[in-house]
Structure formats: C-alpha cells, structure tokens
Amino acid sequence: MSVMVLILRLALAFITLLALTRLMGRKEISQMTFFNFISAISIGTIGASLAIDSTLSVRNGLIALIAWSAFTIALGYLDIKSKPVRTAIEGQPLIVIRNGKIMENELRKTRLDMDALHVLLRKKNVFSVSDVDYAIFETDGTLSVLKHQAKQPLTKGDSNTPLKTANISSIPTAVINDGKVNSQNLKKLDLDQKWLDQQLKGAGITSVADVFYAEIQKDGSLYIDTNDDVLH
C-alpha cells in the first residue's frame, strides 16, 4: 500500500468516524457504560482496520463501520424507550452507602474494596465515610454522594478510657477493615487493642469480626459499620 493510499484511507476513516460518532450522540463519550465501552472499542478497531489494513477493502470497511454504528444507534433508541432493555444493557446503579451505613453486599457486586471506595469519596471531597448519608455507584463507574451533618453516637467521651489527642490524625484513619484490625494505624494514633475493644463494647459489639469497617475521626470519635447491613 502506497503512502498516498494510506493517507487517503486515514482521512476517510477519520471523517467517517467523526460523522458516525456525531450521529450516535454525546452520550457515547460522556457516559462510559458497559455498552458504550464495547461500542467505542469496536468502532475504533474497525476504523483502524479501515485506515491501515490493506487486506480490508474500503467498501467493506465502510459497510462494517456504518452497520456497527447503526446497531449502536438502534440499541440506544431501545435503551431510551424500554427500561428492561436499558437494565439489560447498562445495568442499574447500586447503593453502596445507605443512611450512613456501608452496604457490604452491594459493595462486593461493584468489585470495590474500601480503599477504592475511599478514592472515589475523596474525589467528591469526602474524607470520611461518616460524613455520607447516601453514596450511589452509577452505571458509568462514577460515585454520586449525598452528605449529611449528623454526628456519630459513639465518641471518646462514651468510654471511661480517655483518648489521647496528641497524635490524632488530620484525616480519618481506618482501624478495622473487613473484620481485621489495622494495628499499624492504631499504633500511629498511640492507641491499642484494649482501647478499641472498649469502644466496640460500648457500641454493643462483642467481636471485631462483626465489624466490616471502623475509622477514627479527626475529633477522636469512632465510626463503626457492622456486617449486618441489609438493603431494603
């Protein structure tokens, strides 16, 4: 394939892709759902083949691009008109925090761990799970967050053992994650297992294994999320 033919094919592929993506609408790039992801990869691959694959004729490449784009537009139309089709294609948003409680089962469905959830929350300028009333994991992979101002009931004043405040972190610090104590973080805050057990006992929790997640707030209070959350 000569350089001139390559340039012509590249120009044709670019113009065709631009025209077809404009026809498919802005949703294709603004909301990267499962369907949009597959569609974008497929159209990009076909466009690249049209541009540089000499074994693929220009006619067949254009037919493949137009046919795939038409298929994408048709499914997009069904997506708008039919909720069952929309659910089958894109899935449904999942509530991962409800009324300030982490929904462990829903979190597992999203394939998110607590570290990944914290990253998404920080992108929303939320540095503590206890600040969240609702968090919804959207079908495009983003997290929608609704904050609340309610304070957690368990504070350092609820325990007979005073909390040393000298080493309290400037950001909330996890001390229990999925039923396991983070001894390193406790040590950084100049706390120990005995103090943690007392806090859990004050909250009516007899075993660390019953706690999905717990973190110490900036003011020294302890946020606790148990393993028994149920989504109604």
Protein backbone atom coordinates (compact mmCIF):
# COMPACT_ATOMS: atom_id res chain seq x y z
CA MET A 1 0.00 0.00 0.00
CA SER A 2 1.46 3.33 -1.11
CA VAL A 3 1.83 6.33 1.14
CA MET A 4 -0.84 8.24 -0.82
CA VAL A 5 -3.34 5.40 -0.48
CA LEU A 6 -2.57 5.15 3.26
CA ILE A 7 -3.17 8.89 3.73
CA LEU A 8 -6.45 8.71 1.79
CA ARG A 9 -7.63 5.74 3.85
CA LEU A 10 -6.66 7.51 7.08
CA ALA A 11 -8.57 10.63 6.03
CA LEU A 12 -11.60 8.58 5.02
CA ALA A 13 -11.58 6.62 8.29
CA PHE A 14 -11.25 9.84 10.34
CA ILE A 15 -14.08 11.65 8.54
CA THR A 16 -16.35 8.60 8.70
CA LEU A 17 -15.68 8.02 12.40
CA LEU A 18 -16.29 11.69 13.18
CA ALA A 19 -19.58 11.72 11.28
CA LEU A 20 -20.82 8.47 12.83
CA THR A 21 -19.89 9.43 16.40
CA ARG A 22 -21.74 12.73 15.95
CA LEU A 23 -24.78 10.74 14.84
CA MET A 24 -24.54 8.45 17.87
CA GLY A 25 -24.69 11.43 20.22
CA ARG A 26 -22.67 12.82 23.11
CA LYS A 27 -23.74 10.07 25.50
CA GLU A 28 -21.25 7.76 23.79
CA ILE A 29 -18.35 9.76 25.26
CA SER A 30 -19.97 11.40 28.29
CA GLN A 31 -21.25 8.21 29.94
CA MET A 32 -18.94 5.23 29.51
CA THR A 33 -21.26 2.36 30.42
CA PHE A 34 -20.56 -1.30 29.54
CA PHE A 35 -22.41 -0.87 26.26
CA ASN A 36 -20.66 2.40 25.37
CA PHE A 37 -17.29 0.86 26.23
CA ILE A 38 -17.81 -2.13 23.93
CA SER A 39 -19.23 0.08 21.18
CA ALA A 40 -16.33 2.54 21.33
CA ILE A 41 -13.67 -0.20 21.25
CA SER A 42 -15.36 -1.98 18.33
CA ILE A 43 -15.85 1.14 16.23
CA GLY A 44 -12.27 2.23 16.95
CA THR A 45 -10.93 -1.16 15.90
CA ILE A 46 -12.96 -1.18 12.68
CA GLY A 47 -11.84 2.39 11.93
CA ALA A 48 -8.19 1.48 12.48
CA SER A 49 -8.55 -1.56 10.22
CA LEU A 50 -10.11 0.62 7.52
CA ALA A 51 -7.18 3.02 7.77
CA ILE A 52 -4.18 0.67 7.72
CA ASP A 53 -5.32 -2.88 6.87
CA SER A 54 -4.69 -3.32 3.16
CA THR A 55 -6.48 -6.69 3.15
CA LEU A 56 -9.72 -4.93 4.07
CA SER A 57 -11.33 -3.15 1.16
CA VAL A 58 -12.56 0.40 1.63
CA ARG A 59 -16.09 -0.72 0.73
CA ASN A 60 -16.20 -3.49 3.32
CA GLY A 61 -14.61 -1.25 5.94
CA LEU A 62 -17.25 1.44 5.39
CA ILE A 63 -20.04 -1.15 5.47
CA ALA A 64 -18.71 -2.55 8.76
CA LEU A 65 -18.44 0.92 10.32
CA ILE A 66 -21.90 2.02 9.20
CA ALA A 67 -23.51 -1.29 10.20
CA TRP A 68 -21.96 -1.27 13.67
CA SER A 69 -22.91 2.37 14.17
CA ALA A 70 -26.49 1.64 13.07
CA PHE A 71 -26.60 -1.25 15.54
CA THR A 72 -25.34 1.06 18.29
CA ILE A 73 -27.91 3.76 17.45
CA ALA A 74 -30.74 1.19 17.34
CA LEU A 75 -29.83 -0.19 20.77
CA GLY A 76 -29.50 3.36 22.06
CA TYR A 77 -33.06 4.04 20.91
CA LEU A 78 -34.32 0.88 22.64
CA ASP A 79 -32.35 1.94 25.71
CA ILE A 80 -34.39 5.17 25.85
CA LYS A 81 -37.76 3.56 25.14
CA SER A 82 -37.55 0.39 27.26
CA LYS A 83 -36.48 0.15 30.88
CA PRO A 84 -35.93 -3.67 30.76
CA VAL A 85 -33.66 -3.23 27.74
CA ARG A 86 -31.85 -0.37 29.47
CA THR A 87 -31.30 -2.50 32.56
CA ALA A 88 -30.04 -5.43 30.49
CA ILE A 89 -27.63 -3.24 28.51
CA GLU A 90 -26.34 -0.83 31.14
CA GLY A 91 -27.19 -2.45 34.47
CA GLN A 92 -28.50 -0.49 37.46
CA PRO A 93 -26.96 1.96 39.92
CA LEU A 94 -26.03 0.34 43.24
CA ILE A 95 -26.38 1.97 46.65
CA VAL A 96 -23.06 1.34 48.43
CA ILE A 97 -23.75 3.60 51.43
CA ARG A 98 -27.29 3.92 52.76
CA ASN A 99 -28.27 6.06 55.73
CA GLY A 100 -24.58 6.36 56.60
CA LYS A 101 -24.03 2.59 56.57
CA ILE A 102 -21.82 0.72 54.14
CA MET A 103 -23.76 -1.91 52.20
CA GLU A 104 -21.20 -4.71 52.05
CA ASN A 105 -23.08 -6.94 49.63
CA GLU A 106 -23.65 -4.11 47.17
CA LEU A 107 -20.01 -3.07 47.51
CA ARG A 108 -18.89 -6.57 46.57
CA LYS A 109 -21.14 -6.51 43.50
CA THR A 110 -19.31 -3.43 42.26
CA ARG A 111 -15.93 -5.17 42.79
CA LEU A 112 -14.87 -2.27 45.02
CA ASP A 113 -12.86 -2.59 48.21
CA MET A 114 -12.69 0.05 50.94
CA ASP A 115 -9.52 1.59 49.53
CA ALA A 116 -11.17 2.07 46.13
CA LEU A 117 -14.30 3.47 47.79
CA HIS A 118 -12.18 5.97 49.72
CA VAL A 119 -10.54 7.10 46.47
CA LEU A 120 -13.95 7.76 44.90
CA LEU A 121 -15.15 9.58 48.03
CA ARG A 122 -12.03 11.76 48.14
CA LYS A 123 -12.71 12.78 44.54
CA LYS A 124 -16.00 14.15 45.89
CA ASN A 125 -14.12 15.99 48.67
CA VAL A 126 -15.36 13.50 51.26
CA PHE A 127 -12.63 12.21 53.56
CA SER A 128 -14.78 10.22 55.99
CA VAL A 129 -17.46 7.61 55.44
CA SER A 130 -19.33 9.02 58.44
CA ASP A 131 -19.97 12.24 56.50
CA VAL A 132 -22.01 10.34 53.90
CA ASP A 133 -25.75 9.78 54.03
CA TYR A 134 -26.06 8.08 50.63
CA ALA A 135 -23.50 7.01 48.03
CA ILE A 136 -24.59 5.51 44.73
CA PHE A 137 -22.25 3.75 42.31
CA GLU A 138 -23.53 4.76 38.88
CA THR A 139 -23.57 2.62 35.74
CA ASP A 140 -20.79 4.73 34.21
CA GLY A 141 -18.42 3.97 37.10
CA THR A 142 -18.79 7.29 38.93
CA LEU A 143 -19.90 7.75 42.54
CA SER A 144 -22.75 10.10 43.48
CA VAL A 145 -22.56 11.25 47.10
CA LEU A 146 -25.11 12.89 49.39
CA LYS A 147 -23.57 14.21 52.60
CA HIS A 148 -25.26 14.59 55.98
CA GLN A 149 -24.39 16.57 59.09
CA ALA A 150 -25.46 14.07 61.74
CA LYS A 151 -22.79 13.12 64.24
CA GLN A 152 -21.97 9.56 65.13
CA PRO A 153 -23.29 8.48 68.58
CA LEU A 154 -20.05 6.84 69.78
CA THR A 155 -17.45 9.41 70.88
CA LYS A 156 -14.34 9.38 73.01
CA GLY A 157 -16.47 10.70 75.91
CA ASP A 158 -18.50 7.48 75.90
CA SER A 159 -15.55 5.49 77.21
CA ASN A 160 -14.01 5.53 80.68
CA THR A 161 -10.64 5.42 78.97
CA PRO A 162 -9.76 8.90 77.70
CA LEU A 163 -8.49 9.16 74.16
CA LYS A 164 -5.08 10.75 73.78
CA THR A 165 -5.46 13.54 71.28
CA ALA A 166 -1.83 14.41 70.68
CA ASN A 167 -1.46 12.03 67.76
CA ILE A 168 -4.95 12.20 66.28
CA SER A 169 -4.60 12.29 62.51
CA SER A 170 -5.66 15.29 60.45
CA ILE A 171 -7.76 12.92 58.34
CA PRO A 172 -9.98 9.96 59.37
CA THR A 173 -7.94 6.78 59.85
CA ALA A 174 -9.17 3.22 59.36
CA VAL A 175 -8.62 0.86 62.30
CA ILE A 176 -10.81 -2.07 61.19
CA ASN A 177 -11.26 -3.20 57.60
CA ASP A 178 -13.40 -6.23 56.72
CA GLY A 179 -13.26 -7.61 60.25
CA LYS A 180 -9.49 -7.20 60.65
CA VAL A 181 -7.78 -4.73 62.97
CA ASN A 182 -5.20 -2.40 61.46
CA SER A 183 -2.67 -2.49 64.29
CA GLN A 184 -0.27 -0.21 62.45
CA ASN A 185 -2.81 2.62 62.28
CA LEU A 186 -3.72 2.13 65.94
CA LYS A 187 -0.06 2.44 66.86
CA LYS A 188 0.29 5.64 64.81
CA LEU A 189 -2.54 7.15 66.85
CA ASP A 190 -0.99 5.99 70.12
CA LEU A 191 -3.89 3.59 70.75
CA ASP A 192 -4.07 -0.11 71.45
CA GLN A 193 -6.33 -3.13 71.09
CA LYS A 194 -7.68 -2.70 74.62
CA TRP A 195 -8.97 0.78 73.83
CA LEU A 196 -10.57 -0.46 70.62
CA ASP A 197 -12.27 -3.36 72.41
CA GLN A 198 -13.71 -0.92 74.95
CA GLN A 199 -15.11 1.28 72.19
CA LEU A 200 -16.68 -1.71 70.46
CA LYS A 201 -18.13 -2.96 73.73
CA GLY A 202 -19.64 0.48 74.34
CA ALA A 203 -21.35 0.21 70.96
CA GLY A 204 -22.76 -3.23 71.82
CA ILE A 205 -20.30 -5.15 69.65
CA THR A 206 -18.65 -8.20 71.20
CA SER A 207 -16.33 -9.25 68.37
CA VAL A 208 -14.12 -7.44 65.88
CA ALA A 209 -15.26 -9.98 63.29
CA ASP A 210 -18.73 -8.39 63.44
CA VAL A 211 -17.32 -5.08 62.19
CA PHE A 212 -16.96 -4.50 58.47
CA TYR A 213 -15.25 -1.14 58.78
CA ALA A 214 -14.27 1.30 61.53
CA GLU A 215 -12.34 4.54 61.42
CA ILE A 216 -11.24 7.16 63.92
CA GLN A 217 -12.43 10.66 63.08
CA LYS A 218 -10.42 13.84 63.33
CA ASP A 219 -12.13 14.66 66.65
CA GLY A 220 -11.28 11.25 68.11
CA SER A 221 -14.73 9.70 67.71
CA LEU A 222 -15.06 6.21 66.29
CA TYR A 223 -17.23 5.49 63.24
CA ILE A 224 -18.38 1.86 63.10
CA ASP A 225 -20.07 -0.08 60.31
CA THR A 226 -21.13 -3.64 61.08
CA ASN A 227 -21.52 -6.67 58.85
CA ASP A 228 -25.29 -6.96 59.24
CA ASP A 229 -26.45 -4.19 56.90
CA VAL A 230 -29.40 -5.17 54.72
CA LEU A 231 -30.64 -3.21 51.70
CA HIS A 232 -34.42 -2.92 51.84
